[in-house]
């Protein structure tokens, strides 16, 4: 099952990703340095005990890889997860609109 998912971090920022095999344990590959820097601004208690939420936003058992990539891009732009104030997606590049 191919999936588009949204990860929500304790600071409220999100990451949207795709999974070609439907692995429920996969949490994507946001920029670790940026995530870690944001965690440094959280209270000590929040850094030591936190929850990361994964939501499956879309699934398909028969879409192509190109359709999956297009859907990922669509959801990233819809949720603005490529806006650094909202999320951790670096692609497609946020143009400020």
N, C-alpha and C. Protein backbone atom coordinates (compact mmCIF):
# COMPACT_ATOMS: atom_id res chain seq x y z
N UNK A 1 0.84 -1.18 0.00
CA UNK A 1 0.00 0.00 0.00
C UNK A 1 0.89 1.25 0.00
N UNK A 2 0.72 2.10 -0.95
CA UNK A 2 1.48 3.35 -1.02
C UNK A 2 0.73 4.41 -0.23
N UNK A 3 1.49 5.25 0.47
CA UNK A 3 0.87 6.20 1.39
C UNK A 3 1.50 7.59 1.30
N UNK A 4 0.69 8.59 1.60
CA UNK A 4 1.15 9.93 1.89
C UNK A 4 0.81 10.14 3.37
N UNK A 5 1.79 10.62 4.13
CA UNK A 5 1.58 10.77 5.57
C UNK A 5 2.03 12.14 6.04
N UNK A 6 1.56 12.50 7.22
CA UNK A 6 1.96 13.75 7.87
C UNK A 6 2.49 13.40 9.25
N UNK A 7 3.68 13.90 9.54
CA UNK A 7 4.27 13.76 10.86
C UNK A 7 4.11 15.10 11.57
N UNK A 8 3.63 15.08 12.80
CA UNK A 8 3.50 16.29 13.60
C UNK A 8 4.44 16.17 14.80
N UNK A 9 5.30 17.15 14.95
CA UNK A 9 6.29 17.18 16.03
C UNK A 9 5.76 17.96 17.23
N UNK A 10 6.39 17.83 18.39
CA UNK A 10 5.90 18.49 19.60
C UNK A 10 5.82 20.02 19.51
N UNK A 11 6.58 20.61 18.62
CA UNK A 11 6.54 22.07 18.45
C UNK A 11 5.43 22.50 17.49
N UNK A 12 4.67 21.53 16.97
CA UNK A 12 3.57 21.82 16.06
C UNK A 12 3.95 21.81 14.59
N UNK A 13 5.24 21.78 14.29
CA UNK A 13 5.66 21.74 12.89
C UNK A 13 5.38 20.36 12.30
N UNK A 14 5.23 20.34 10.98
CA UNK A 14 4.86 19.10 10.31
C UNK A 14 5.86 18.73 9.21
N UNK A 15 5.81 17.48 8.83
CA UNK A 15 6.58 16.96 7.71
C UNK A 15 5.64 16.05 6.93
N UNK A 16 5.57 16.23 5.63
CA UNK A 16 4.75 15.39 4.75
C UNK A 16 5.69 14.52 3.94
N UNK A 17 5.37 13.24 3.87
CA UNK A 17 6.21 12.32 3.11
C UNK A 17 5.41 11.26 2.41
N UNK A 18 6.14 10.45 1.66
CA UNK A 18 5.51 9.34 0.94
C UNK A 18 6.20 8.05 1.33
N UNK A 19 5.47 6.99 1.23
CA UNK A 19 5.99 5.67 1.54
C UNK A 19 5.49 4.72 0.46
N UNK A 20 6.41 4.12 -0.27
CA UNK A 20 6.04 3.25 -1.38
C UNK A 20 5.63 1.85 -0.96
N UNK A 21 5.89 1.47 0.28
CA UNK A 21 5.58 0.11 0.71
C UNK A 21 4.59 0.05 1.88
N UNK A 22 4.20 1.19 2.42
CA UNK A 22 3.22 1.21 3.51
C UNK A 22 3.78 0.74 4.83
N UNK A 23 4.99 1.13 5.14
CA UNK A 23 5.62 0.74 6.41
C UNK A 23 5.16 1.69 7.52
N UNK A 24 4.39 1.18 8.45
CA UNK A 24 3.84 2.02 9.50
C UNK A 24 4.92 2.53 10.45
N UNK A 25 6.09 1.95 10.43
CA UNK A 25 7.18 2.40 11.28
C UNK A 25 8.09 3.43 10.63
N UNK A 26 7.82 3.76 9.38
CA UNK A 26 8.66 4.73 8.66
C UNK A 26 8.19 6.15 8.95
N UNK A 27 9.12 7.02 9.33
CA UNK A 27 8.77 8.38 9.70
C UNK A 27 9.46 9.42 8.82
N UNK A 28 9.90 9.04 7.65
CA UNK A 28 10.44 9.99 6.70
C UNK A 28 11.86 10.41 6.98
N UNK A 29 12.28 11.45 6.27
CA UNK A 29 13.66 11.90 6.39
C UNK A 29 13.76 13.43 6.36
N UNK A 30 13.14 14.08 7.35
CA UNK A 30 13.31 15.53 7.41
C UNK A 30 14.76 15.87 7.78
N UNK A 31 15.16 17.11 7.59
CA UNK A 31 16.51 17.54 7.92
C UNK A 31 16.71 17.46 9.44
N UNK A 32 17.51 16.51 9.87
CA UNK A 32 17.72 16.25 11.29
C UNK A 32 18.30 17.45 12.01
N UNK A 33 19.19 18.18 11.37
CA UNK A 33 19.80 19.35 12.02
C UNK A 33 18.75 20.41 12.34
N UNK A 34 17.82 20.61 11.41
CA UNK A 34 16.77 21.61 11.63
C UNK A 34 15.82 21.15 12.73
N UNK A 35 15.42 19.88 12.69
CA UNK A 35 14.54 19.34 13.74
C UNK A 35 15.22 19.45 15.10
N UNK A 36 16.48 19.05 15.18
CA UNK A 36 17.21 19.11 16.46
C UNK A 36 17.33 20.54 16.96
N UNK A 37 17.58 21.49 16.07
CA UNK A 37 17.68 22.90 16.48
C UNK A 37 16.35 23.38 17.06
N UNK A 38 15.25 22.98 16.44
CA UNK A 38 13.94 23.36 16.96
C UNK A 38 13.68 22.72 18.32
N UNK A 39 14.10 21.48 18.49
CA UNK A 39 13.91 20.81 19.78
C UNK A 39 14.66 21.52 20.89
N UNK A 40 15.79 22.14 20.56
CA UNK A 40 16.57 22.85 21.57
C UNK A 40 15.78 24.01 22.18
N UNK A 41 14.83 24.56 21.43
CA UNK A 41 14.04 25.67 21.95
C UNK A 41 12.86 25.21 22.79
N UNK A 42 12.61 23.91 22.84
CA UNK A 42 11.52 23.38 23.67
C UNK A 42 11.94 23.34 25.13
N UNK A 43 10.99 23.42 26.04
CA UNK A 43 11.32 23.26 27.46
C UNK A 43 11.97 21.90 27.70
N UNK A 44 12.82 21.83 28.69
CA UNK A 44 13.54 20.60 29.01
C UNK A 44 12.59 19.41 29.15
N UNK A 45 11.48 19.61 29.82
CA UNK A 45 10.50 18.54 30.03
C UNK A 45 9.97 18.01 28.70
N UNK A 46 9.73 18.91 27.76
CA UNK A 46 9.21 18.52 26.45
C UNK A 46 10.24 17.78 25.61
N UNK A 47 11.51 18.07 25.81
CA UNK A 47 12.56 17.36 25.07
C UNK A 47 12.79 15.95 25.60
N UNK A 48 12.42 15.72 26.85
CA UNK A 48 12.67 14.42 27.47
C UNK A 48 11.48 13.47 27.40
N UNK A 49 10.31 14.01 27.11
CA UNK A 49 9.12 13.17 27.03
C UNK A 49 8.19 13.78 25.99
N UNK A 50 8.23 13.23 24.79
CA UNK A 50 7.44 13.81 23.71
C UNK A 50 6.79 12.73 22.85
N UNK A 51 5.80 13.18 22.11
CA UNK A 51 5.08 12.30 21.20
C UNK A 51 5.17 12.88 19.80
N UNK A 52 5.43 12.02 18.84
CA UNK A 52 5.41 12.39 17.43
C UNK A 52 4.25 11.63 16.81
N UNK A 53 3.40 12.35 16.11
CA UNK A 53 2.19 11.75 15.55
C UNK A 53 2.35 11.53 14.05
N UNK A 54 1.95 10.35 13.60
CA UNK A 54 1.95 10.05 12.17
C UNK A 54 0.50 9.82 11.74
N UNK A 55 0.09 10.59 10.74
CA UNK A 55 -1.25 10.45 10.18
C UNK A 55 -1.14 10.02 8.73
N UNK A 56 -1.84 8.98 8.36
CA UNK A 56 -1.91 8.56 6.96
C UNK A 56 -2.99 9.42 6.31
N UNK A 57 -2.59 10.25 5.36
CA UNK A 57 -3.53 11.17 4.73
C UNK A 57 -4.14 10.61 3.45
N UNK A 58 -3.43 9.69 2.81
CA UNK A 58 -3.87 9.17 1.51
C UNK A 58 -3.21 7.83 1.28
N UNK A 59 -3.95 6.89 0.70
CA UNK A 59 -3.41 5.56 0.38
C UNK A 59 -3.88 5.13 -1.00
N UNK A 60 -3.04 4.31 -1.63
CA UNK A 60 -3.41 3.71 -2.91
C UNK A 60 -2.67 2.39 -3.05
N UNK A 61 -3.38 1.42 -3.53
CA UNK A 61 -2.74 0.12 -3.77
C UNK A 61 -2.28 -0.03 -5.21
N UNK A 62 -2.66 0.91 -6.06
CA UNK A 62 -2.33 0.73 -7.48
C UNK A 62 -1.79 1.97 -8.19
N UNK A 63 -1.41 3.00 -7.45
CA UNK A 63 -0.87 4.18 -8.13
C UNK A 63 0.59 3.93 -8.53
N UNK A 64 1.04 4.68 -9.51
CA UNK A 64 2.44 4.58 -9.95
C UNK A 64 3.31 5.42 -9.03
N UNK A 65 4.61 5.25 -9.13
CA UNK A 65 5.54 6.07 -8.33
C UNK A 65 5.43 7.54 -8.71
N UNK A 66 5.22 7.82 -9.99
CA UNK A 66 5.08 9.22 -10.40
C UNK A 66 3.80 9.83 -9.85
N UNK A 67 2.74 9.06 -9.80
CA UNK A 67 1.49 9.54 -9.19
C UNK A 67 1.67 9.78 -7.70
N UNK A 68 2.42 8.90 -7.04
CA UNK A 68 2.70 9.05 -5.61
C UNK A 68 3.50 10.33 -5.35
N UNK A 69 4.53 10.58 -6.16
CA UNK A 69 5.33 11.80 -6.03
C UNK A 69 4.49 13.05 -6.26
N UNK A 70 3.61 13.00 -7.25
CA UNK A 70 2.74 14.14 -7.55
C UNK A 70 1.79 14.40 -6.39
N UNK A 71 1.26 13.34 -5.80
CA UNK A 71 0.34 13.49 -4.66
C UNK A 71 1.10 14.06 -3.46
N UNK A 72 2.32 13.60 -3.24
CA UNK A 72 3.13 14.13 -2.14
C UNK A 72 3.33 15.63 -2.32
N UNK A 73 3.71 16.04 -3.51
CA UNK A 73 3.92 17.47 -3.79
C UNK A 73 2.63 18.26 -3.56
N UNK A 74 1.52 17.73 -4.02
CA UNK A 74 0.23 18.39 -3.85
C UNK A 74 -0.08 18.62 -2.36
N UNK A 75 0.12 17.59 -1.55
CA UNK A 75 -0.19 17.69 -0.12
C UNK A 75 0.80 18.63 0.58
N UNK A 76 2.06 18.57 0.21
CA UNK A 76 3.06 19.50 0.79
C UNK A 76 2.62 20.94 0.54
N UNK A 77 2.23 21.23 -0.68
CA UNK A 77 1.82 22.60 -1.01
C UNK A 77 0.50 22.97 -0.34
N UNK A 78 -0.41 22.03 -0.28
CA UNK A 78 -1.70 22.29 0.37
C UNK A 78 -1.53 22.61 1.85
N UNK A 79 -0.68 21.85 2.54
CA UNK A 79 -0.47 22.04 3.98
C UNK A 79 0.62 23.05 4.29
N UNK A 80 1.34 23.48 3.25
CA UNK A 80 2.44 24.45 3.37
C UNK A 80 3.55 23.92 4.29
N UNK A 81 3.76 22.63 4.25
CA UNK A 81 4.81 22.04 5.10
C UNK A 81 6.21 22.38 4.60
N UNK A 82 6.31 23.02 3.44
CA UNK A 82 7.60 23.50 2.95
C UNK A 82 7.88 24.93 3.40
N UNK A 83 6.94 25.56 4.10
CA UNK A 83 7.15 26.88 4.72
C UNK A 83 7.90 26.62 6.03
N UNK A 84 9.12 27.12 6.18
CA UNK A 84 9.91 26.81 7.38
C UNK A 84 9.24 27.18 8.70
N UNK A 85 8.26 28.07 8.67
CA UNK A 85 7.56 28.41 9.91
C UNK A 85 6.47 27.39 10.24
N UNK A 86 6.15 26.52 9.27
CA UNK A 86 5.09 25.53 9.44
C UNK A 86 5.64 24.11 9.46
N UNK A 87 6.63 23.84 8.63
CA UNK A 87 7.07 22.46 8.51
C UNK A 87 8.51 22.29 8.11
N UNK A 88 8.86 21.02 7.89
CA UNK A 88 10.24 20.62 7.63
C UNK A 88 10.52 20.17 6.21
N UNK A 89 9.54 20.24 5.32
CA UNK A 89 9.81 19.85 3.94
C UNK A 89 10.66 20.91 3.25
N UNK A 90 11.71 20.47 2.58
CA UNK A 90 12.60 21.37 1.85
C UNK A 90 12.23 21.46 0.37
N UNK A 91 11.40 20.52 -0.07
CA UNK A 91 10.99 20.44 -1.46
C UNK A 91 9.48 20.36 -1.52
N UNK A 92 8.80 20.97 -2.45
CA UNK A 92 9.37 21.97 -3.35
C UNK A 92 9.72 23.24 -2.58
N UNK A 93 10.70 23.95 -3.08
CA UNK A 93 11.17 25.15 -2.38
C UNK A 93 10.02 26.12 -2.14
N UNK A 94 9.92 26.59 -0.91
CA UNK A 94 8.89 27.55 -0.54
C UNK A 94 9.23 28.92 -1.11
N UNK A 95 8.25 29.55 -1.78
CA UNK A 95 8.52 30.84 -2.42
C UNK A 95 7.90 32.01 -1.66
N UNK A 96 7.39 31.77 -0.47
CA UNK A 96 6.86 32.85 0.35
C UNK A 96 5.41 33.22 0.08
N UNK A 97 4.74 32.53 -0.76
CA UNK A 97 3.34 32.86 -1.06
C UNK A 97 2.39 31.97 -0.30
